[in-house]
């Protein structure tokens, strides 16, 4: 079974093996209006214009939350030609964020599986938060984010490696969207 993240203009069709889905909240950027998390053996049937990626887990952490939570998904592209060592340093900085940002509950960093459909994305960085403020406040404004992570994304900083086109989407989820299995 493969985990998938889908950005689409519509909610999934009945019968799709969806773990969680919902409309993107205001402040989301680069999505199509809805995002889904699903598990499937094969490439899922998708509506026209959907952006779907199969995930290859790098690391993850599970923190139980009860009830409704915010599911945030960031799809990004590391520039072609980035060395494996630099890519590993970038991934290390991302997976260290939960140690420094207490509002992050469950989280997962994945590479996009090249055996899935062709995709412009290389990585998917997912988190769950108890509320929107945990994402838009503490997470985005945290000193660790600014000092260690933002440099990879800012094209004006020498050594940045992330392309400027991103999909930063977040929505409510009634259930955990990130699996309870741990890889950290």
N, C-alpha and C. Protein backbone atom coordinates (compact mmCIF):
# COMPACT_ATOMS: atom_id res chain seq x y z
N UNK A 1 0.85 -1.19 0.00
CA UNK A 1 0.00 0.00 0.00
C UNK A 1 0.89 1.25 0.00
N UNK A 2 0.47 2.22 -0.76
CA UNK A 2 1.20 3.48 -0.89
C UNK A 2 0.33 4.62 -0.39
N UNK A 3 0.94 5.52 0.37
CA UNK A 3 0.26 6.76 0.75
C UNK A 3 0.36 7.73 -0.40
N UNK A 4 -0.72 8.47 -0.61
CA UNK A 4 -0.79 9.48 -1.66
C UNK A 4 -1.28 10.78 -1.08
N UNK A 5 -0.82 11.89 -1.65
CA UNK A 5 -1.37 13.21 -1.39
C UNK A 5 -1.90 13.71 -2.73
N UNK A 6 -3.13 14.23 -2.70
CA UNK A 6 -3.78 14.70 -3.91
C UNK A 6 -4.27 16.13 -3.70
N UNK A 7 -3.98 17.00 -4.65
CA UNK A 7 -4.54 18.34 -4.69
C UNK A 7 -5.53 18.34 -5.83
N UNK A 8 -6.77 18.71 -5.57
CA UNK A 8 -7.82 18.64 -6.58
C UNK A 8 -8.81 19.77 -6.38
N UNK A 9 -9.62 20.01 -7.40
CA UNK A 9 -10.64 21.04 -7.32
C UNK A 9 -11.92 20.51 -6.67
N UNK A 10 -12.03 19.18 -6.55
CA UNK A 10 -13.23 18.57 -6.00
C UNK A 10 -12.86 17.55 -4.93
N UNK A 11 -13.86 17.15 -4.17
CA UNK A 11 -13.67 16.11 -3.16
C UNK A 11 -13.59 14.76 -3.89
N UNK A 12 -13.01 13.74 -3.22
CA UNK A 12 -12.87 12.44 -3.87
C UNK A 12 -14.20 11.76 -4.14
N UNK A 13 -14.19 10.91 -5.17
CA UNK A 13 -15.39 10.14 -5.51
C UNK A 13 -15.64 9.07 -4.45
N UNK A 14 -16.90 8.71 -4.23
CA UNK A 14 -17.19 7.61 -3.29
C UNK A 14 -16.44 6.35 -3.71
N UNK A 15 -15.97 5.62 -2.72
CA UNK A 15 -15.25 4.39 -3.00
C UNK A 15 -13.74 4.56 -3.06
N UNK A 16 -13.26 5.79 -3.13
CA UNK A 16 -11.82 6.03 -3.10
C UNK A 16 -11.33 5.76 -1.67
N UNK A 17 -10.17 5.15 -1.54
CA UNK A 17 -9.64 4.79 -0.22
C UNK A 17 -9.07 6.01 0.50
N UNK A 18 -9.93 6.95 0.80
CA UNK A 18 -9.50 8.21 1.39
C UNK A 18 -9.37 8.07 2.91
N UNK A 19 -8.24 8.54 3.43
CA UNK A 19 -8.03 8.61 4.86
C UNK A 19 -8.67 9.89 5.37
N UNK A 20 -8.45 10.99 4.65
CA UNK A 20 -8.94 12.29 5.06
C UNK A 20 -8.97 13.20 3.83
N UNK A 21 -9.95 14.08 3.77
CA UNK A 21 -10.05 15.04 2.67
C UNK A 21 -10.85 16.24 3.14
N UNK A 22 -10.62 17.37 2.51
CA UNK A 22 -11.39 18.55 2.83
C UNK A 22 -10.97 19.74 2.01
N UNK A 23 -11.81 20.79 2.06
CA UNK A 23 -11.47 22.02 1.34
C UNK A 23 -10.30 22.74 2.02
N UNK A 24 -9.43 23.31 1.21
CA UNK A 24 -8.30 24.07 1.73
C UNK A 24 -8.81 25.33 2.43
N UNK A 25 -8.18 25.67 3.53
CA UNK A 25 -8.55 26.85 4.31
C UNK A 25 -7.93 28.11 3.71
N UNK A 26 -8.52 29.28 4.01
CA UNK A 26 -7.93 30.54 3.55
C UNK A 26 -6.48 30.65 4.03
N UNK A 27 -5.62 31.12 3.14
CA UNK A 27 -4.19 31.19 3.43
C UNK A 27 -3.42 30.10 2.72
N UNK A 28 -4.13 29.08 2.23
CA UNK A 28 -3.48 28.04 1.44
C UNK A 28 -3.03 28.66 0.11
N UNK A 29 -1.92 28.16 -0.42
CA UNK A 29 -1.34 28.70 -1.64
C UNK A 29 -0.91 27.55 -2.54
N UNK A 30 -1.22 27.65 -3.83
CA UNK A 30 -0.71 26.69 -4.80
C UNK A 30 -1.49 25.41 -4.93
N UNK A 31 -2.59 25.28 -4.22
CA UNK A 31 -3.42 24.08 -4.34
C UNK A 31 -4.48 24.27 -5.39
N UNK A 32 -5.46 23.36 -5.37
CA UNK A 32 -6.56 23.43 -6.33
C UNK A 32 -7.90 23.61 -5.66
N UNK A 33 -7.92 23.76 -4.32
CA UNK A 33 -9.17 23.98 -3.60
C UNK A 33 -9.49 22.92 -2.57
N UNK A 34 -9.06 21.69 -2.81
CA UNK A 34 -9.26 20.58 -1.87
C UNK A 34 -7.97 19.77 -1.81
N UNK A 35 -7.74 19.13 -0.68
CA UNK A 35 -6.62 18.20 -0.60
C UNK A 35 -7.09 16.91 0.05
N UNK A 36 -6.51 15.82 -0.40
CA UNK A 36 -6.87 14.49 0.08
C UNK A 36 -5.62 13.75 0.53
N UNK A 37 -5.80 12.87 1.48
CA UNK A 37 -4.79 11.89 1.87
C UNK A 37 -5.43 10.54 1.66
N UNK A 38 -4.76 9.67 0.91
CA UNK A 38 -5.34 8.35 0.68
C UNK A 38 -4.27 7.28 0.63
N UNK A 39 -4.74 6.04 0.69
CA UNK A 39 -3.87 4.88 0.61
C UNK A 39 -4.42 4.01 -0.51
N UNK A 40 -3.53 3.56 -1.40
CA UNK A 40 -3.97 2.74 -2.53
C UNK A 40 -2.84 1.84 -3.00
N UNK A 41 -3.21 0.69 -3.57
CA UNK A 41 -2.22 -0.23 -4.14
C UNK A 41 -1.70 0.28 -5.48
N UNK A 42 -2.56 0.96 -6.22
CA UNK A 42 -2.20 1.45 -7.54
C UNK A 42 -2.56 2.92 -7.64
N UNK A 43 -2.16 3.53 -8.72
CA UNK A 43 -2.46 4.93 -8.95
C UNK A 43 -3.97 5.15 -8.88
N UNK A 44 -4.44 6.03 -8.01
CA UNK A 44 -5.89 6.23 -7.85
C UNK A 44 -6.51 6.93 -9.06
N UNK A 45 -7.80 6.67 -9.27
CA UNK A 45 -8.53 7.39 -10.31
C UNK A 45 -8.78 8.81 -9.80
N UNK A 46 -8.42 9.77 -10.62
CA UNK A 46 -8.47 11.16 -10.19
C UNK A 46 -9.27 12.00 -11.17
N UNK A 47 -9.86 13.09 -10.66
CA UNK A 47 -10.53 14.01 -11.58
C UNK A 47 -9.49 14.74 -12.44
N UNK A 48 -9.92 15.24 -13.57
CA UNK A 48 -9.03 16.00 -14.46
C UNK A 48 -8.42 17.17 -13.70
N UNK A 49 -7.15 17.41 -13.93
CA UNK A 49 -6.47 18.55 -13.31
C UNK A 49 -5.96 18.31 -11.91
N UNK A 50 -6.19 17.13 -11.35
CA UNK A 50 -5.69 16.83 -10.01
C UNK A 50 -4.18 16.66 -10.05
N UNK A 51 -3.54 16.97 -8.96
CA UNK A 51 -2.10 16.83 -8.80
C UNK A 51 -1.90 15.78 -7.72
N UNK A 52 -1.43 14.58 -8.09
CA UNK A 52 -1.28 13.49 -7.14
C UNK A 52 0.16 13.03 -7.07
N UNK A 53 0.63 12.74 -5.85
CA UNK A 53 1.98 12.22 -5.66
C UNK A 53 1.93 11.01 -4.74
N UNK A 54 2.68 9.98 -5.12
CA UNK A 54 2.90 8.82 -4.27
C UNK A 54 4.08 9.15 -3.36
N UNK A 55 3.99 8.73 -2.10
CA UNK A 55 4.99 9.13 -1.11
C UNK A 55 5.97 8.00 -0.77
N UNK A 56 7.25 8.34 -0.70
CA UNK A 56 8.30 7.46 -0.19
C UNK A 56 8.75 8.06 1.15
N UNK A 57 8.37 7.46 2.28
CA UNK A 57 8.69 8.06 3.58
C UNK A 57 10.20 8.21 3.80
N UNK A 58 10.56 9.36 4.36
CA UNK A 58 11.94 9.60 4.81
C UNK A 58 11.98 9.44 6.32
N UNK A 59 11.17 10.23 7.02
CA UNK A 59 11.04 10.14 8.49
C UNK A 59 9.68 10.67 8.87
N UNK A 60 9.20 10.21 10.02
CA UNK A 60 7.90 10.66 10.52
C UNK A 60 7.86 10.51 12.03
N UNK A 61 6.94 11.23 12.63
CA UNK A 61 6.70 11.12 14.06
C UNK A 61 5.21 11.22 14.32
N UNK A 62 4.73 10.44 15.24
CA UNK A 62 3.31 10.44 15.56
C UNK A 62 3.08 10.98 16.96
N UNK A 63 2.18 11.94 17.07
CA UNK A 63 1.75 12.49 18.36
C UNK A 63 0.24 12.43 18.36
N UNK A 64 -0.36 11.67 19.27
CA UNK A 64 -1.82 11.55 19.26
C UNK A 64 -2.50 12.90 19.54
N UNK A 65 -3.49 13.20 18.74
CA UNK A 65 -4.37 14.34 18.97
C UNK A 65 -5.79 13.79 19.00
N UNK A 66 -6.62 14.32 19.86
CA UNK A 66 -8.01 13.90 19.86
C UNK A 66 -8.84 14.91 19.10
N UNK A 67 -9.82 14.39 18.39
CA UNK A 67 -10.74 15.27 17.68
C UNK A 67 -10.15 15.92 16.46
N UNK A 68 -10.79 17.00 16.09
CA UNK A 68 -10.45 17.75 14.89
C UNK A 68 -9.05 18.34 14.99
N UNK A 69 -8.36 18.38 13.85
CA UNK A 69 -7.02 18.94 13.79
C UNK A 69 -6.80 19.57 12.42
N UNK A 70 -5.75 20.39 12.31
CA UNK A 70 -5.38 21.00 11.03
C UNK A 70 -4.32 20.12 10.40
N UNK A 71 -4.54 19.73 9.15
CA UNK A 71 -3.56 18.96 8.37
C UNK A 71 -2.93 19.92 7.37
N UNK A 72 -1.63 20.08 7.47
CA UNK A 72 -0.89 20.96 6.56
C UNK A 72 -0.03 20.10 5.65
N UNK A 73 0.00 20.44 4.37
CA UNK A 73 0.81 19.74 3.38
C UNK A 73 1.59 20.77 2.57
N UNK A 74 2.88 20.57 2.48
CA UNK A 74 3.74 21.41 1.66
C UNK A 74 4.37 20.53 0.60
N UNK A 75 4.07 20.81 -0.66
CA UNK A 75 4.71 20.13 -1.78
C UNK A 75 5.76 21.08 -2.33
N UNK A 76 6.98 20.58 -2.52
CA UNK A 76 8.08 21.43 -2.95
C UNK A 76 8.98 20.68 -3.92
N UNK A 77 9.82 21.46 -4.60
CA UNK A 77 10.76 20.89 -5.55
C UNK A 77 12.17 21.37 -5.22
N UNK A 78 13.06 20.41 -4.94
CA UNK A 78 14.47 20.71 -4.76
C UNK A 78 15.07 20.84 -6.15
N UNK A 79 15.87 21.90 -6.35
CA UNK A 79 16.46 22.18 -7.66
C UNK A 79 17.28 21.01 -8.17
N UNK A 80 17.13 20.75 -9.44
CA UNK A 80 17.93 19.75 -10.13
C UNK A 80 19.40 20.12 -9.97
N UNK A 81 20.23 19.12 -9.78
CA UNK A 81 21.66 19.36 -9.62
C UNK A 81 22.10 19.54 -8.18
N UNK A 82 21.15 19.58 -7.24
CA UNK A 82 21.51 19.68 -5.82
C UNK A 82 22.19 18.39 -5.39
N UNK A 83 23.32 18.50 -4.73
CA UNK A 83 24.07 17.30 -4.33
C UNK A 83 23.29 16.50 -3.28
N UNK A 84 23.59 15.22 -3.20
CA UNK A 84 22.95 14.36 -2.20
C UNK A 84 23.26 14.85 -0.79
N UNK A 85 24.48 15.34 -0.56
CA UNK A 85 24.86 15.81 0.77
C UNK A 85 24.04 17.05 1.17
N UNK A 86 23.85 17.97 0.26
CA UNK A 86 23.07 19.18 0.55
C UNK A 86 21.61 18.82 0.73
N UNK A 87 21.10 17.93 -0.09
CA UNK A 87 19.71 17.47 0.04
C UNK A 87 19.51 16.82 1.42
N UNK A 88 20.47 16.02 1.86
CA UNK A 88 20.37 15.37 3.17
C UNK A 88 20.38 16.40 4.30
N UNK A 89 21.18 17.45 4.17
CA UNK A 89 21.21 18.52 5.18
C UNK A 89 19.86 19.24 5.24
N UNK A 90 19.28 19.52 4.09
CA UNK A 90 17.96 20.14 4.01
C UNK A 90 16.92 19.26 4.70
N UNK A 91 16.89 17.98 4.36
CA UNK A 91 15.93 17.06 4.96
C UNK A 91 16.13 16.98 6.47
N UNK A 92 17.38 16.99 6.91
CA UNK A 92 17.68 16.95 8.35
C UNK A 92 17.13 18.18 9.06
N UNK A 93 17.28 19.36 8.45
CA UNK A 93 16.74 20.58 9.05
C UNK A 93 15.22 20.52 9.15
N UNK A 94 14.55 19.95 8.13
CA UNK A 94 13.09 19.83 8.19
C UNK A 94 12.66 18.90 9.32
N UNK A 95 13.26 17.72 9.40
CA UNK A 95 12.80 16.75 10.40
C UNK A 95 13.20 17.14 11.82
N UNK A 96 14.07 18.12 11.98
CA UNK A 96 14.41 18.63 13.32
C UNK A 96 13.37 19.64 13.82
N UNK A 97 12.52 20.14 12.92
CA UNK A 97 11.56 21.18 13.32
C UNK A 97 10.67 20.78 14.50
N UNK A 98 10.14 19.55 14.56
CA UNK A 98 9.28 19.20 15.69
C UNK A 98 9.97 19.28 17.06
N UNK A 99 11.30 19.15 17.07
CA UNK A 99 12.04 19.28 18.33
C UNK A 99 12.05 20.72 18.83
N UNK A 100 11.84 21.68 17.94
CA UNK A 100 11.95 23.10 18.26
C UNK A 100 10.62 23.84 18.22
N UNK A 101 9.62 23.24 17.60
CA UNK A 101 8.34 23.92 17.42
C UNK A 101 7.25 23.07 18.07
N UNK A 102 6.85 23.43 19.29
CA UNK A 102 5.95 22.56 20.06
C UNK A 102 4.54 22.41 19.50
N UNK A 103 4.12 23.27 18.60
CA UNK A 103 2.76 23.13 18.06
C UNK A 103 2.65 22.04 16.99
N UNK A 104 3.79 21.53 16.50
CA UNK A 104 3.75 20.42 15.54
C UNK A 104 3.41 19.15 16.31
N UNK A 105 2.35 18.48 15.89
CA UNK A 105 1.99 17.18 16.47
C UNK A 105 2.60 16.13 15.53
N UNK A 106 1.79 15.30 14.91
CA UNK A 106 2.32 14.30 13.96
C UNK A 106 2.92 15.01 12.76
N UNK A 107 3.91 14.37 12.14
CA UNK A 107 4.59 14.96 11.01
C UNK A 107 5.19 13.86 10.15
N UNK A 108 5.44 14.17 8.90
CA UNK A 108 6.09 13.22 7.99
C UNK A 108 6.80 13.99 6.88
N UNK A 109 8.00 13.55 6.58
CA UNK A 109 8.73 14.04 5.42
C UNK A 109 8.85 12.87 4.46
N UNK A 110 8.46 13.10 3.21
CA UNK A 110 8.53 12.07 2.18
C UNK A 110 9.16 12.63 0.92
N UNK A 111 9.78 11.77 0.19
CA UNK A 111 10.17 12.09 -1.18
C UNK A 111 9.03 11.62 -2.07
N UNK A 112 8.92 12.20 -3.24
CA UNK A 112 7.91 11.77 -4.20
C UNK A 112 8.44 10.52 -4.90
N UNK A 113 7.62 9.48 -4.90
CA UNK A 113 8.00 8.19 -5.50
C UNK A 113 8.06 8.33 -7.02
N UNK A 114 9.23 8.15 -7.62
CA UNK A 114 9.34 8.29 -9.08
C UNK A 114 8.59 7.20 -9.84
N UNK A 115 8.17 6.14 -9.16
CA UNK A 115 7.39 5.08 -9.82
C UNK A 115 5.93 5.49 -9.99
N UNK A 116 5.53 6.58 -9.32
CA UNK A 116 4.17 7.10 -9.47
C UNK A 116 4.08 7.96 -10.72
N UNK A 117 2.96 8.66 -10.86
CA UNK A 117 2.81 9.53 -12.04
C UNK A 117 3.87 10.63 -12.06
N UNK A 118 4.21 11.09 -13.25
CA UNK A 118 5.19 12.18 -13.38
C UNK A 118 4.72 13.36 -12.54
N UNK A 119 5.66 13.98 -11.85
CA UNK A 119 5.32 15.08 -10.96
C UNK A 119 6.42 16.13 -10.98
N UNK A 120 6.02 17.37 -10.81
CA UNK A 120 7.02 18.45 -10.71
C UNK A 120 7.60 18.52 -9.30
N UNK A 121 6.96 17.85 -8.33
CA UNK A 121 7.38 17.91 -6.92
C UNK A 121 8.44 16.85 -6.63
N UNK A 122 9.32 17.14 -5.66
CA UNK A 122 10.30 16.16 -5.21
C UNK A 122 10.07 15.72 -3.76
N UNK A 123 9.45 16.59 -2.94
CA UNK A 123 9.26 16.32 -1.52
C UNK A 123 7.87 16.74 -1.05
N UNK A 124 7.41 16.08 0.00
CA UNK A 124 6.16 16.45 0.67
C UNK A 124 6.45 16.50 2.16
N UNK A 125 6.16 17.64 2.78
CA UNK A 125 6.39 17.89 4.21
C UNK A 125 5.01 18.11 4.83
N UNK A 126 4.60 17.20 5.72
CA UNK A 126 3.25 17.23 6.29
C UNK A 126 3.32 17.37 7.81
N UNK A 127 2.33 18.08 8.36
CA UNK A 127 2.21 18.19 9.80
C UNK A 127 0.74 18.24 10.19
N UNK A 128 0.48 17.92 11.45
CA UNK A 128 -0.84 18.13 12.05
C UNK A 128 -0.66 19.09 13.21
N UNK A 129 -1.66 19.96 13.37
CA UNK A 129 -1.68 20.96 14.44
C UNK A 129 -3.04 20.91 15.12
N UNK A 130 -3.07 21.28 16.38
CA UNK A 130 -4.34 21.31 17.11
C UNK A 130 -5.27 22.39 16.56
N UNK A 131 -4.70 23.47 16.02
CA UNK A 131 -5.51 24.57 15.50
C UNK A 131 -4.72 25.35 14.45
N UNK A 132 -5.39 26.23 13.76
CA UNK A 132 -4.75 27.02 12.69
C UNK A 132 -3.64 27.90 13.24
N UNK A 133 -3.83 28.45 14.43
CA UNK A 133 -2.82 29.33 15.01
C UNK A 133 -1.50 28.61 15.26
N UNK A 134 -1.55 27.31 15.53
CA UNK A 134 -0.32 26.55 15.70
C UNK A 134 0.54 26.54 14.45
N UNK A 135 -0.11 26.60 13.29
CA UNK A 135 0.59 26.67 12.00
C UNK A 135 0.95 28.10 11.65
N UNK A 136 -0.03 28.99 11.63
CA UNK A 136 0.19 30.36 11.14
C UNK A 136 0.93 31.23 12.14
N UNK A 137 0.95 30.82 13.39
CA UNK A 137 1.66 31.57 14.42
C UNK A 137 2.98 30.92 14.75
N UNK A 138 2.97 30.05 15.73
CA UNK A 138 4.19 29.44 16.27
C UNK A 138 5.06 28.78 15.19
N UNK A 139 4.47 28.03 14.29
CA UNK A 139 5.27 27.32 13.28
C UNK A 139 5.96 28.31 12.34
N UNK A 140 5.18 29.16 11.69
CA UNK A 140 5.75 30.05 10.67
C UNK A 140 6.63 31.15 11.25
N UNK A 141 6.40 31.50 12.52
CA UNK A 141 7.16 32.59 13.12
C UNK A 141 8.29 32.12 14.04
N UNK A 142 8.46 30.83 14.19
CA UNK A 142 9.45 30.29 15.11
C UNK A 142 10.87 30.60 14.67
N UNK A 143 11.76 30.97 15.61
CA UNK A 143 13.16 31.27 15.25
C UNK A 143 13.87 30.12 14.55
N UNK A 144 13.58 28.87 14.91
CA UNK A 144 14.22 27.75 14.22
C UNK A 144 13.83 27.75 12.74
N UNK A 145 12.57 28.01 12.48
CA UNK A 145 12.09 28.07 11.08
C UNK A 145 12.88 29.12 10.31
N UNK A 146 12.99 30.31 10.89
CA UNK A 146 13.67 31.41 10.19
C UNK A 146 15.17 31.19 10.05
N UNK A 147 15.81 30.63 11.08
CA UNK A 147 17.27 30.49 11.06
C UNK A 147 17.76 29.26 10.31
N UNK A 148 17.00 28.16 10.36
CA UNK A 148 17.51 26.91 9.80
C UNK A 148 16.77 26.41 8.57
N UNK A 149 15.51 26.77 8.41
CA UNK A 149 14.72 26.21 7.33
C UNK A 149 14.47 27.21 6.21
N UNK A 150 14.13 28.43 6.55
CA UNK A 150 13.77 29.42 5.54
C UNK A 150 14.89 29.67 4.53
N UNK A 151 16.13 29.52 4.94
CA UNK A 151 17.28 29.76 4.04
C UNK A 151 17.26 28.84 2.83
N UNK A 152 16.69 27.65 2.98
CA UNK A 152 16.63 26.71 1.86
C UNK A 152 15.62 27.17 0.80
N UNK A 153 14.65 27.99 1.21
CA UNK A 153 13.55 28.41 0.34
C UNK A 153 13.73 29.81 -0.25
N UNK A 154 14.54 30.64 0.36
CA UNK A 154 14.67 32.04 -0.03
C UNK A 154 15.68 32.18 -1.16
N UNK A 155 15.20 32.46 -2.37
CA UNK A 155 16.05 32.58 -3.54
C UNK A 155 17.11 33.66 -3.45
N UNK A 156 16.97 34.59 -2.50
CA UNK A 156 17.97 35.65 -2.32
C UNK A 156 19.10 35.23 -1.39
N UNK A 157 18.97 34.05 -0.79
CA UNK A 157 20.00 33.56 0.12
C UNK A 157 20.91 32.59 -0.64
N UNK A 158 22.22 32.84 -0.65
CA UNK A 158 23.12 31.89 -1.32
C UNK A 158 22.93 30.50 -0.71
N UNK A 159 22.87 29.50 -1.56
CA UNK A 159 22.71 28.14 -1.08
C UNK A 159 21.27 27.66 -1.01
N UNK A 160 20.31 28.53 -1.36
CA UNK A 160 18.91 28.06 -1.37
C UNK A 160 18.78 26.99 -2.44
N UNK A 161 17.92 25.99 -2.18
CA UNK A 161 17.81 24.88 -3.12
C UNK A 161 16.37 24.58 -3.54
N UNK A 162 15.39 25.25 -2.96
CA UNK A 162 13.99 24.95 -3.24
C UNK A 162 13.47 25.92 -4.30
N UNK A 163 12.84 25.37 -5.33
CA UNK A 163 12.21 26.19 -6.37
C UNK A 163 11.12 27.06 -5.75
N UNK A 164 10.84 28.21 -6.35
CA UNK A 164 9.88 29.15 -5.76
C UNK A 164 8.43 28.67 -5.84
N UNK A 165 8.09 27.82 -6.81
CA UNK A 165 6.71 27.31 -6.91
C UNK A 165 6.48 26.26 -5.83
N UNK A 166 5.49 26.52 -4.97
CA UNK A 166 5.15 25.62 -3.86
C UNK A 166 3.66 25.39 -3.82
N UNK A 167 3.25 24.33 -3.16
CA UNK A 167 1.86 24.16 -2.77
C UNK A 167 1.86 24.03 -1.25
N UNK A 168 1.34 25.05 -0.58
CA UNK A 168 1.22 25.09 0.88
C UNK A 168 -0.27 25.11 1.17
N UNK A 169 -0.82 23.93 1.51
CA UNK A 169 -2.26 23.82 1.72
C UNK A 169 -2.52 23.29 3.12
N UNK A 170 -3.61 23.76 3.71
CA UNK A 170 -4.00 23.24 5.02
C UNK A 170 -5.50 23.25 5.12
N UNK A 171 -6.01 22.31 5.91
CA UNK A 171 -7.45 22.10 6.03
C UNK A 171 -7.73 21.41 7.35
N UNK A 172 -9.00 21.36 7.69
CA UNK A 172 -9.42 20.62 8.88
C UNK A 172 -9.50 19.14 8.54
N UNK A 173 -9.20 18.30 9.50
CA UNK A 173 -9.38 16.85 9.37
C UNK A 173 -9.98 16.34 10.67
N UNK A 174 -10.95 15.48 10.56
CA UNK A 174 -11.60 14.90 11.73
C UNK A 174 -10.82 13.71 12.28
N UNK A 175 -9.91 13.16 11.49
CA UNK A 175 -9.14 11.98 11.87
C UNK A 175 -7.66 12.20 11.58
N UNK A 176 -6.79 11.39 12.18
CA UNK A 176 -5.38 11.50 11.84
C UNK A 176 -5.15 11.22 10.36
N UNK A 177 -4.44 12.10 9.69
CA UNK A 177 -4.13 11.91 8.27
C UNK A 177 -2.71 11.38 8.08
N UNK A 178 -1.89 11.51 9.10
CA UNK A 178 -0.52 11.00 9.06
C UNK A 178 -0.50 9.70 9.87
N UNK A 179 -0.02 8.61 9.29
CA UNK A 179 -0.11 7.31 9.96
C UNK A 179 0.62 7.27 11.29
N UNK A 180 0.14 6.39 12.14
CA UNK A 180 0.72 6.23 13.47
C UNK A 180 2.06 5.52 13.45
N UNK A 181 2.44 4.90 12.34
CA UNK A 181 3.75 4.26 12.29
C UNK A 181 4.82 5.33 12.36
N UNK A 182 5.91 5.00 12.99
CA UNK A 182 6.99 5.97 13.19
C UNK A 182 8.21 5.54 12.41
N UNK A 183 8.95 6.51 11.91
CA UNK A 183 10.23 6.22 11.27
C UNK A 183 11.34 7.05 11.91
N UNK A 184 11.03 7.73 13.00
CA UNK A 184 12.08 8.55 13.63
C UNK A 184 12.75 7.82 14.77
